[in-house]
Amino acid sequence: MPAAIVALVVAAILATVFRESYAPRPAPSVRFQTLKGESFDLASLRGKVVLVNFWATTCEPCVRELPGIAQAWRRFAPQGLEVVAVAMSYDPPNRVVEFSEKLALPMKISLDMAGEIEKQFGGLKFVPTSFVIDRQGNIVRRIDGEIQFGPLHSLIEAKLKEPI
């Protein structure tokens, strides 16, 4: 098979995978419980752009990206960004509390004690995994692995400009 045809086939497959991976779909109806005792449904955040980040205190990429997530929250929260950082079920709650306090994380920190939130998001291959949800409550991006903040900031800015 000529190289040009192989390249076209590969490009077509990648375009399909990319399109399917990022096709907007409704976010699940989940309930979060924060370290501060706040309980809220994801649906209550409609009208905001939401970043849901699954992480663990034992995950080096997670630890590296959390300060950047906190910085993104500080930058974009006044414009309508909400961040929910969900600690994995295998992370001891006291460790999550200590870690969150040590880093002075300003966003909502939630515990997924039974792993139900993870399941409702379709399961995770690994952490960190993040989801960007638009103002209408649709997942518009899934980020498997460590966040690249330039593209994330561009996406957040674009979604914040969309009508409510």
N, C-alpha and C. Protein backbone atom coordinates (compact mmCIF):
# COMPACT_ATOMS: atom_id res chain seq x y z
N MET A 1 0.85 -1.17 0.00
CA MET A 1 0.00 0.00 0.00
C MET A 1 0.90 1.24 0.00
N PRO A 2 0.67 2.19 -0.87
CA PRO A 2 1.50 3.40 -0.93
C PRO A 2 1.42 4.20 0.38
N ALA A 3 2.52 4.85 0.71
CA ALA A 3 2.62 5.61 1.95
C ALA A 3 1.55 6.70 2.04
N ALA A 4 1.20 7.31 0.93
CA ALA A 4 0.19 8.39 0.94
C ALA A 4 -1.16 7.85 1.37
N ILE A 5 -1.51 6.66 0.92
CA ILE A 5 -2.80 6.06 1.30
C ILE A 5 -2.79 5.70 2.78
N VAL A 6 -1.69 5.13 3.25
CA VAL A 6 -1.55 4.79 4.67
C VAL A 6 -1.70 6.05 5.52
N ALA A 7 -1.04 7.13 5.09
CA ALA A 7 -1.13 8.39 5.84
C ALA A 7 -2.56 8.90 5.88
N LEU A 8 -3.28 8.80 4.78
CA LEU A 8 -4.69 9.25 4.74
C LEU A 8 -5.57 8.40 5.65
N VAL A 9 -5.35 7.10 5.64
CA VAL A 9 -6.13 6.20 6.51
C VAL A 9 -5.85 6.51 7.97
N VAL A 10 -4.59 6.66 8.32
CA VAL A 10 -4.22 7.00 9.70
C VAL A 10 -4.84 8.34 10.10
N ALA A 11 -4.77 9.33 9.23
CA ALA A 11 -5.35 10.64 9.52
C ALA A 11 -6.86 10.53 9.73
N ALA A 12 -7.53 9.75 8.92
CA ALA A 12 -8.98 9.57 9.05
C ALA A 12 -9.33 8.90 10.37
N ILE A 13 -8.56 7.89 10.74
CA ILE A 13 -8.80 7.20 12.01
C ILE A 13 -8.58 8.15 13.18
N LEU A 14 -7.48 8.90 13.15
CA LEU A 14 -7.20 9.85 14.23
C LEU A 14 -8.27 10.93 14.32
N ALA A 15 -8.75 11.40 13.20
CA ALA A 15 -9.82 12.41 13.20
C ALA A 15 -11.08 11.85 13.83
N THR A 16 -11.41 10.62 13.54
CA THR A 16 -12.59 9.99 14.12
C THR A 16 -12.42 9.81 15.62
N VAL A 17 -11.26 9.31 16.04
CA VAL A 17 -11.01 9.11 17.47
C VAL A 17 -11.06 10.45 18.19
N PHE A 18 -10.41 11.48 17.62
CA PHE A 18 -10.41 12.79 18.25
C PHE A 18 -11.83 13.33 18.37
N ARG A 19 -12.60 13.24 17.30
CA ARG A 19 -13.96 13.75 17.31
C ARG A 19 -14.81 13.02 18.35
N GLU A 20 -14.69 11.69 18.41
CA GLU A 20 -15.48 10.93 19.37
C GLU A 20 -15.03 11.20 20.80
N SER A 21 -13.73 11.38 21.02
CA SER A 21 -13.22 11.61 22.36
C SER A 21 -13.70 12.93 22.94
N TYR A 22 -13.92 13.92 22.09
CA TYR A 22 -14.26 15.24 22.57
C TYR A 22 -15.65 15.70 22.16
N ALA A 23 -16.46 14.80 21.67
CA ALA A 23 -17.84 15.17 21.34
C ALA A 23 -18.56 15.48 22.65
N PRO A 24 -19.15 16.67 22.75
CA PRO A 24 -19.84 17.01 24.00
C PRO A 24 -20.91 15.98 24.35
N ARG A 25 -21.00 15.70 25.63
CA ARG A 25 -22.03 14.80 26.13
C ARG A 25 -22.45 15.28 27.51
N PRO A 26 -23.67 15.00 27.92
CA PRO A 26 -24.12 15.49 29.23
C PRO A 26 -23.25 14.95 30.37
N ALA A 27 -22.93 15.83 31.30
CA ALA A 27 -22.20 15.42 32.49
C ALA A 27 -23.12 14.57 33.36
N PRO A 28 -22.56 13.65 34.11
CA PRO A 28 -23.40 12.81 34.97
C PRO A 28 -24.01 13.62 36.11
N SER A 29 -25.07 13.08 36.64
CA SER A 29 -25.72 13.70 37.80
C SER A 29 -25.07 13.14 39.06
N VAL A 30 -24.06 13.86 39.55
CA VAL A 30 -23.33 13.39 40.72
C VAL A 30 -23.48 14.37 41.88
N ARG A 31 -23.27 13.84 43.06
CA ARG A 31 -23.31 14.64 44.28
C ARG A 31 -21.92 14.58 44.91
N PHE A 32 -21.40 15.75 45.26
CA PHE A 32 -20.08 15.85 45.87
C PHE A 32 -20.23 16.19 47.35
N GLN A 33 -19.29 15.71 48.14
CA GLN A 33 -19.17 16.07 49.55
C GLN A 33 -17.76 16.63 49.71
N THR A 34 -17.64 17.89 50.13
CA THR A 34 -16.32 18.50 50.23
C THR A 34 -15.71 18.27 51.61
N LEU A 35 -14.42 18.54 51.69
CA LEU A 35 -13.73 18.42 52.97
C LEU A 35 -14.30 19.38 54.01
N LYS A 36 -14.89 20.47 53.55
CA LYS A 36 -15.47 21.47 54.46
C LYS A 36 -16.91 21.14 54.84
N GLY A 37 -17.41 19.98 54.38
CA GLY A 37 -18.75 19.55 54.74
C GLY A 37 -19.85 20.01 53.80
N GLU A 38 -19.47 20.72 52.75
CA GLU A 38 -20.46 21.18 51.78
C GLU A 38 -20.88 20.01 50.90
N SER A 39 -22.17 19.92 50.64
CA SER A 39 -22.70 18.89 49.76
C SER A 39 -23.44 19.59 48.63
N PHE A 40 -23.16 19.20 47.39
CA PHE A 40 -23.81 19.85 46.25
C PHE A 40 -23.84 18.91 45.06
N ASP A 41 -24.81 19.14 44.19
CA ASP A 41 -24.94 18.39 42.95
C ASP A 41 -24.18 19.12 41.85
N LEU A 42 -23.66 18.36 40.91
CA LEU A 42 -23.00 18.97 39.76
C LEU A 42 -23.97 19.87 39.00
N ALA A 43 -25.22 19.48 38.93
CA ALA A 43 -26.23 20.27 38.23
C ALA A 43 -26.38 21.67 38.82
N SER A 44 -26.07 21.83 40.11
CA SER A 44 -26.19 23.15 40.75
C SER A 44 -25.14 24.13 40.23
N LEU A 45 -24.16 23.63 39.49
CA LEU A 45 -23.10 24.49 38.95
C LEU A 45 -23.38 24.91 37.51
N ARG A 46 -24.57 24.56 36.98
CA ARG A 46 -24.91 24.99 35.62
C ARG A 46 -24.81 26.49 35.54
N GLY A 47 -24.34 26.96 34.41
CA GLY A 47 -24.09 28.39 34.23
C GLY A 47 -22.64 28.73 34.46
N LYS A 48 -21.90 27.80 35.05
CA LYS A 48 -20.45 27.97 35.24
C LYS A 48 -19.72 26.98 34.35
N VAL A 49 -18.48 27.28 34.07
CA VAL A 49 -17.60 26.30 33.45
C VAL A 49 -16.97 25.55 34.61
N VAL A 50 -16.95 24.22 34.53
CA VAL A 50 -16.49 23.40 35.65
C VAL A 50 -15.34 22.51 35.20
N LEU A 51 -14.31 22.47 36.03
CA LEU A 51 -13.21 21.53 35.86
C LEU A 51 -13.32 20.52 37.00
N VAL A 52 -13.54 19.25 36.66
CA VAL A 52 -13.55 18.18 37.64
C VAL A 52 -12.25 17.41 37.45
N ASN A 53 -11.43 17.39 38.50
CA ASN A 53 -10.11 16.77 38.43
C ASN A 53 -10.05 15.61 39.42
N PHE A 54 -9.77 14.40 38.92
CA PHE A 54 -9.58 13.24 39.77
C PHE A 54 -8.09 13.10 40.05
N TRP A 55 -7.74 12.96 41.33
CA TRP A 55 -6.35 12.97 41.73
C TRP A 55 -6.13 12.10 42.96
N ALA A 56 -4.88 11.90 43.32
CA ALA A 56 -4.51 11.16 44.53
C ALA A 56 -3.24 11.77 45.10
N THR A 57 -3.11 11.70 46.40
CA THR A 57 -1.93 12.26 47.06
C THR A 57 -0.67 11.47 46.72
N THR A 58 -0.82 10.23 46.29
CA THR A 58 0.32 9.37 45.95
C THR A 58 0.71 9.45 44.48
N CYS A 59 0.03 10.29 43.73
CA CYS A 59 0.23 10.40 42.28
C CYS A 59 1.11 11.61 41.99
N GLU A 60 2.34 11.38 41.52
CA GLU A 60 3.27 12.48 41.27
C GLU A 60 2.76 13.49 40.25
N PRO A 61 2.21 13.05 39.10
CA PRO A 61 1.67 14.04 38.16
C PRO A 61 0.53 14.86 38.77
N CYS A 62 -0.27 14.22 39.61
CA CYS A 62 -1.37 14.93 40.29
C CYS A 62 -0.81 16.03 41.18
N VAL A 63 0.19 15.67 41.96
CA VAL A 63 0.81 16.62 42.89
C VAL A 63 1.43 17.78 42.11
N ARG A 64 2.03 17.48 40.97
CA ARG A 64 2.64 18.54 40.14
C ARG A 64 1.58 19.49 39.58
N GLU A 65 0.43 18.96 39.17
CA GLU A 65 -0.55 19.82 38.50
C GLU A 65 -1.50 20.56 39.44
N LEU A 66 -1.65 20.12 40.68
CA LEU A 66 -2.60 20.78 41.57
C LEU A 66 -2.33 22.26 41.79
N PRO A 67 -1.08 22.70 41.97
CA PRO A 67 -0.84 24.14 42.09
C PRO A 67 -1.28 24.90 40.83
N GLY A 68 -1.10 24.33 39.66
CA GLY A 68 -1.55 24.96 38.42
C GLY A 68 -3.06 25.02 38.33
N ILE A 69 -3.73 24.00 38.83
CA ILE A 69 -5.19 23.99 38.87
C ILE A 69 -5.67 25.09 39.82
N ALA A 70 -5.02 25.20 40.97
CA ALA A 70 -5.37 26.26 41.93
C ALA A 70 -5.17 27.63 41.29
N GLN A 71 -4.09 27.79 40.56
CA GLN A 71 -3.82 29.07 39.88
C GLN A 71 -4.90 29.36 38.82
N ALA A 72 -5.30 28.33 38.07
CA ALA A 72 -6.38 28.51 37.07
C ALA A 72 -7.67 28.93 37.77
N TRP A 73 -7.97 28.31 38.91
CA TRP A 73 -9.18 28.67 39.65
C TRP A 73 -9.11 30.15 40.07
N ARG A 74 -7.97 30.56 40.63
CA ARG A 74 -7.83 31.96 41.06
C ARG A 74 -8.00 32.92 39.88
N ARG A 75 -7.47 32.55 38.74
CA ARG A 75 -7.53 33.42 37.56
C ARG A 75 -8.93 33.51 36.97
N PHE A 76 -9.62 32.38 36.86
CA PHE A 76 -10.88 32.34 36.13
C PHE A 76 -12.14 32.27 37.00
N ALA A 77 -12.03 32.03 38.29
CA ALA A 77 -13.22 31.95 39.14
C ALA A 77 -14.08 33.21 39.08
N PRO A 78 -13.47 34.41 39.07
CA PRO A 78 -14.32 35.61 39.00
C PRO A 78 -15.15 35.69 37.71
N GLN A 79 -14.72 34.97 36.67
CA GLN A 79 -15.45 34.97 35.40
C GLN A 79 -16.44 33.81 35.30
N GLY A 80 -16.42 32.88 36.28
CA GLY A 80 -17.40 31.80 36.25
C GLY A 80 -16.83 30.40 36.21
N LEU A 81 -15.56 30.20 36.56
CA LEU A 81 -14.99 28.85 36.62
C LEU A 81 -15.18 28.28 38.01
N GLU A 82 -15.58 27.03 38.07
CA GLU A 82 -15.61 26.29 39.34
C GLU A 82 -14.72 25.07 39.16
N VAL A 83 -13.97 24.72 40.19
CA VAL A 83 -13.10 23.55 40.15
C VAL A 83 -13.49 22.63 41.30
N VAL A 84 -13.63 21.35 40.98
CA VAL A 84 -13.86 20.33 42.00
C VAL A 84 -12.75 19.29 41.84
N ALA A 85 -11.89 19.22 42.83
CA ALA A 85 -10.79 18.25 42.82
C ALA A 85 -11.25 17.05 43.65
N VAL A 86 -11.39 15.90 42.99
CA VAL A 86 -11.95 14.70 43.61
C VAL A 86 -10.83 13.73 43.96
N ALA A 87 -10.64 13.53 45.27
CA ALA A 87 -9.63 12.58 45.73
C ALA A 87 -10.17 11.15 45.57
N MET A 88 -9.31 10.27 45.15
CA MET A 88 -9.70 8.90 44.87
C MET A 88 -10.08 8.13 46.13
N SER A 89 -10.86 7.08 45.93
CA SER A 89 -11.39 6.29 47.05
C SER A 89 -10.29 5.65 47.90
N TYR A 90 -9.14 5.37 47.30
CA TYR A 90 -8.06 4.71 48.04
C TYR A 90 -7.19 5.69 48.83
N ASP A 91 -7.46 6.97 48.71
CA ASP A 91 -6.70 7.98 49.44
C ASP A 91 -7.31 8.16 50.83
N PRO A 92 -6.54 7.94 51.91
CA PRO A 92 -7.10 8.13 53.25
C PRO A 92 -7.55 9.59 53.46
N PRO A 93 -8.76 9.79 53.97
CA PRO A 93 -9.28 11.16 54.14
C PRO A 93 -8.35 12.09 54.91
N ASN A 94 -7.71 11.59 55.98
CA ASN A 94 -6.82 12.46 56.76
C ASN A 94 -5.63 12.91 55.92
N ARG A 95 -5.16 12.06 55.03
CA ARG A 95 -4.05 12.42 54.16
C ARG A 95 -4.48 13.49 53.15
N VAL A 96 -5.69 13.37 52.63
CA VAL A 96 -6.22 14.36 51.69
C VAL A 96 -6.36 15.71 52.39
N VAL A 97 -6.87 15.71 53.61
CA VAL A 97 -7.02 16.95 54.38
C VAL A 97 -5.66 17.60 54.61
N GLU A 98 -4.70 16.82 55.08
CA GLU A 98 -3.36 17.36 55.35
C GLU A 98 -2.72 17.92 54.08
N PHE A 99 -2.84 17.17 53.00
CA PHE A 99 -2.26 17.59 51.73
C PHE A 99 -2.90 18.88 51.23
N SER A 100 -4.23 18.95 51.29
CA SER A 100 -4.96 20.13 50.83
C SER A 100 -4.60 21.37 51.65
N GLU A 101 -4.44 21.18 52.94
CA GLU A 101 -4.06 22.30 53.81
C GLU A 101 -2.61 22.73 53.54
N LYS A 102 -1.74 21.75 53.35
CA LYS A 102 -0.32 22.05 53.09
C LYS A 102 -0.16 22.89 51.82
N LEU A 103 -0.92 22.55 50.77
CA LEU A 103 -0.84 23.30 49.51
C LEU A 103 -1.78 24.51 49.49
N ALA A 104 -2.58 24.68 50.53
CA ALA A 104 -3.57 25.77 50.61
C ALA A 104 -4.44 25.80 49.35
N LEU A 105 -4.99 24.65 49.00
CA LEU A 105 -5.82 24.54 47.80
C LEU A 105 -7.13 25.29 48.00
N PRO A 106 -7.42 26.29 47.15
CA PRO A 106 -8.59 27.14 47.35
C PRO A 106 -9.89 26.59 46.76
N MET A 107 -9.78 25.59 45.87
CA MET A 107 -10.98 25.10 45.20
C MET A 107 -11.68 24.05 46.07
N LYS A 108 -12.81 23.58 45.58
CA LYS A 108 -13.57 22.56 46.29
C LYS A 108 -12.80 21.24 46.21
N ILE A 109 -12.58 20.61 47.36
CA ILE A 109 -11.92 19.31 47.42
C ILE A 109 -12.97 18.31 47.91
N SER A 110 -13.17 17.27 47.11
CA SER A 110 -14.19 16.27 47.41
C SER A 110 -13.53 14.91 47.58
N LEU A 111 -14.15 14.07 48.40
CA LEU A 111 -13.70 12.70 48.56
C LEU A 111 -14.67 11.77 47.84
N ASP A 112 -14.13 10.83 47.11
CA ASP A 112 -14.96 9.82 46.42
C ASP A 112 -14.77 8.51 47.17
N MET A 113 -15.28 8.46 48.39
CA MET A 113 -15.03 7.35 49.31
C MET A 113 -15.39 5.98 48.74
N ALA A 114 -16.48 5.88 48.00
CA ALA A 114 -16.92 4.59 47.49
C ALA A 114 -16.58 4.40 46.01
N GLY A 115 -15.95 5.39 45.39
CA GLY A 115 -15.62 5.29 43.98
C GLY A 115 -16.82 5.50 43.06
N GLU A 116 -17.91 6.00 43.60
CA GLU A 116 -19.13 6.18 42.81
C GLU A 116 -19.03 7.34 41.83
N ILE A 117 -18.37 8.41 42.23
CA ILE A 117 -18.25 9.57 41.33
C ILE A 117 -17.42 9.16 40.11
N GLU A 118 -16.33 8.47 40.37
CA GLU A 118 -15.48 7.98 39.27
C GLU A 118 -16.31 7.13 38.30
N LYS A 119 -17.10 6.21 38.83
CA LYS A 119 -17.93 5.34 37.99
C LYS A 119 -18.91 6.14 37.14
N GLN A 120 -19.52 7.16 37.74
CA GLN A 120 -20.51 7.95 37.01
C GLN A 120 -19.87 8.76 35.88
N PHE A 121 -18.57 9.04 35.99
CA PHE A 121 -17.85 9.72 34.91
C PHE A 121 -17.32 8.73 33.88
N GLY A 122 -17.69 7.46 34.01
CA GLY A 122 -17.30 6.46 33.02
C GLY A 122 -16.07 5.67 33.38
N GLY A 123 -15.58 5.82 34.59
CA GLY A 123 -14.38 5.12 35.00
C GLY A 123 -13.12 5.82 34.51
N LEU A 124 -12.03 5.53 35.17
CA LEU A 124 -10.76 6.16 34.84
C LEU A 124 -9.73 5.08 34.54
N LYS A 125 -8.86 5.37 33.58
CA LYS A 125 -7.75 4.47 33.30
C LYS A 125 -6.65 4.69 34.32
N PHE A 126 -6.48 5.95 34.74
CA PHE A 126 -5.44 6.34 35.69
C PHE A 126 -5.74 7.76 36.15
N VAL A 127 -4.98 8.20 37.13
CA VAL A 127 -5.05 9.59 37.56
C VAL A 127 -3.72 10.24 37.23
N PRO A 128 -3.72 11.53 36.98
CA PRO A 128 -4.88 12.41 36.99
C PRO A 128 -5.73 12.25 35.72
N THR A 129 -7.00 12.47 35.89
CA THR A 129 -7.93 12.58 34.78
C THR A 129 -8.85 13.74 35.11
N SER A 130 -9.07 14.60 34.12
CA SER A 130 -9.90 15.79 34.33
C SER A 130 -10.98 15.88 33.26
N PHE A 131 -12.05 16.57 33.62
CA PHE A 131 -13.16 16.80 32.71
C PHE A 131 -13.50 18.28 32.73
N VAL A 132 -13.66 18.87 31.55
CA VAL A 132 -14.12 20.26 31.43
C VAL A 132 -15.59 20.20 31.03
N ILE A 133 -16.40 20.91 31.80
CA ILE A 133 -17.85 20.92 31.58
C ILE A 133 -18.26 22.34 31.26
N ASP A 134 -19.04 22.50 30.18
CA ASP A 134 -19.45 23.84 29.76
C ASP A 134 -20.61 24.36 30.60
N ARG A 135 -21.03 25.58 30.33
CA ARG A 135 -22.08 26.25 31.10
C ARG A 135 -23.44 25.53 31.01
N GLN A 136 -23.62 24.73 29.96
CA GLN A 136 -24.88 24.01 29.78
C GLN A 136 -24.84 22.62 30.43
N GLY A 137 -23.74 22.26 31.04
CA GLY A 137 -23.64 20.98 31.73
C GLY A 137 -23.17 19.83 30.86
N ASN A 138 -22.45 20.14 29.78
CA ASN A 138 -21.92 19.11 28.89
C ASN A 138 -20.42 18.96 29.07
N ILE A 139 -19.97 17.71 29.12
CA ILE A 139 -18.52 17.45 29.13
C ILE A 139 -18.01 17.76 27.74
N VAL A 140 -17.09 18.71 27.65
CA VAL A 140 -16.56 19.10 26.35
C VAL A 140 -15.11 18.64 26.15
N ARG A 141 -14.48 18.17 27.21
CA ARG A 141 -13.11 17.67 27.09
C ARG A 141 -12.82 16.74 28.24
N ARG A 142 -12.19 15.63 27.93
CA ARG A 142 -11.64 14.71 28.92
C ARG A 142 -10.14 14.77 28.76
N ILE A 143 -9.43 14.96 29.85
CA ILE A 143 -7.97 15.05 29.81
C ILE A 143 -7.42 13.88 30.62
N ASP A 144 -6.89 12.88 29.93
CA ASP A 144 -6.26 11.73 30.58
C ASP A 144 -4.79 12.06 30.77
N GLY A 145 -4.35 12.10 32.01
CA GLY A 145 -2.96 12.44 32.29
C GLY A 145 -2.82 13.88 32.74
N GLU A 146 -1.59 14.29 32.87
CA GLU A 146 -1.27 15.62 33.39
C GLU A 146 -1.77 16.71 32.44
N ILE A 147 -2.34 17.74 33.01
CA ILE A 147 -2.90 18.85 32.26
C ILE A 147 -1.80 19.68 31.62
N GLN A 148 -2.01 20.05 30.38
CA GLN A 148 -1.19 21.05 29.70
C GLN A 148 -1.95 22.37 29.85
N PHE A 149 -1.43 23.29 30.64
CA PHE A 149 -2.21 24.46 31.05
C PHE A 149 -2.48 25.47 29.96
N GLY A 150 -1.59 25.61 28.98
CA GLY A 150 -1.86 26.53 27.87
C GLY A 150 -3.16 26.17 27.16
N PRO A 151 -3.28 24.94 26.65
CA PRO A 151 -4.53 24.55 26.00
C PRO A 151 -5.74 24.57 26.94
N LEU A 152 -5.53 24.21 28.21
CA LEU A 152 -6.66 24.25 29.15
C LEU A 152 -7.15 25.68 29.34
N HIS A 153 -6.24 26.62 29.53
CA HIS A 153 -6.64 28.02 29.70
C HIS A 153 -7.38 28.53 28.47
N SER A 154 -6.90 28.16 27.29
CA SER A 154 -7.58 28.59 26.05
C SER A 154 -9.00 28.03 26.00
N LEU A 155 -9.16 26.77 26.36
CA LEU A 155 -10.49 26.15 26.37
C LEU A 155 -11.40 26.81 27.39
N ILE A 156 -10.89 27.04 28.59
CA ILE A 156 -11.69 27.69 29.63
C ILE A 156 -12.12 29.09 29.17
N GLU A 157 -11.18 29.86 28.62
CA GLU A 157 -11.52 31.20 28.13
C GLU A 157 -12.62 31.14 27.07
N ALA A 158 -12.51 30.20 26.15
CA ALA A 158 -13.52 30.06 25.08
C ALA A 158 -14.87 29.69 25.67
N LYS A 159 -14.89 28.77 26.60
CA LYS A 159 -16.17 28.33 27.19
C LYS A 159 -16.78 29.41 28.07
N LEU A 160 -15.94 30.21 28.72
CA LEU A 160 -16.47 31.30 29.54
C LEU A 160 -17.12 32.39 28.69
N LYS A 161 -16.69 32.51 27.43
CA LYS A 161 -17.26 33.52 26.53
C LYS A 161 -18.60 33.09 25.95
N GLU A 162 -18.91 31.80 26.03
CA GLU A 162 -20.17 31.30 25.49
C GLU A 162 -21.33 31.77 26.36
N PRO A 163 -22.51 31.96 25.75
CA PRO A 163 -23.67 32.41 26.53
C PRO A 163 -24.10 31.33 27.54
N ILE A 164 -24.71 31.82 28.58
CA ILE A 164 -25.20 30.91 29.63
C ILE A 164 -26.48 30.25 29.17
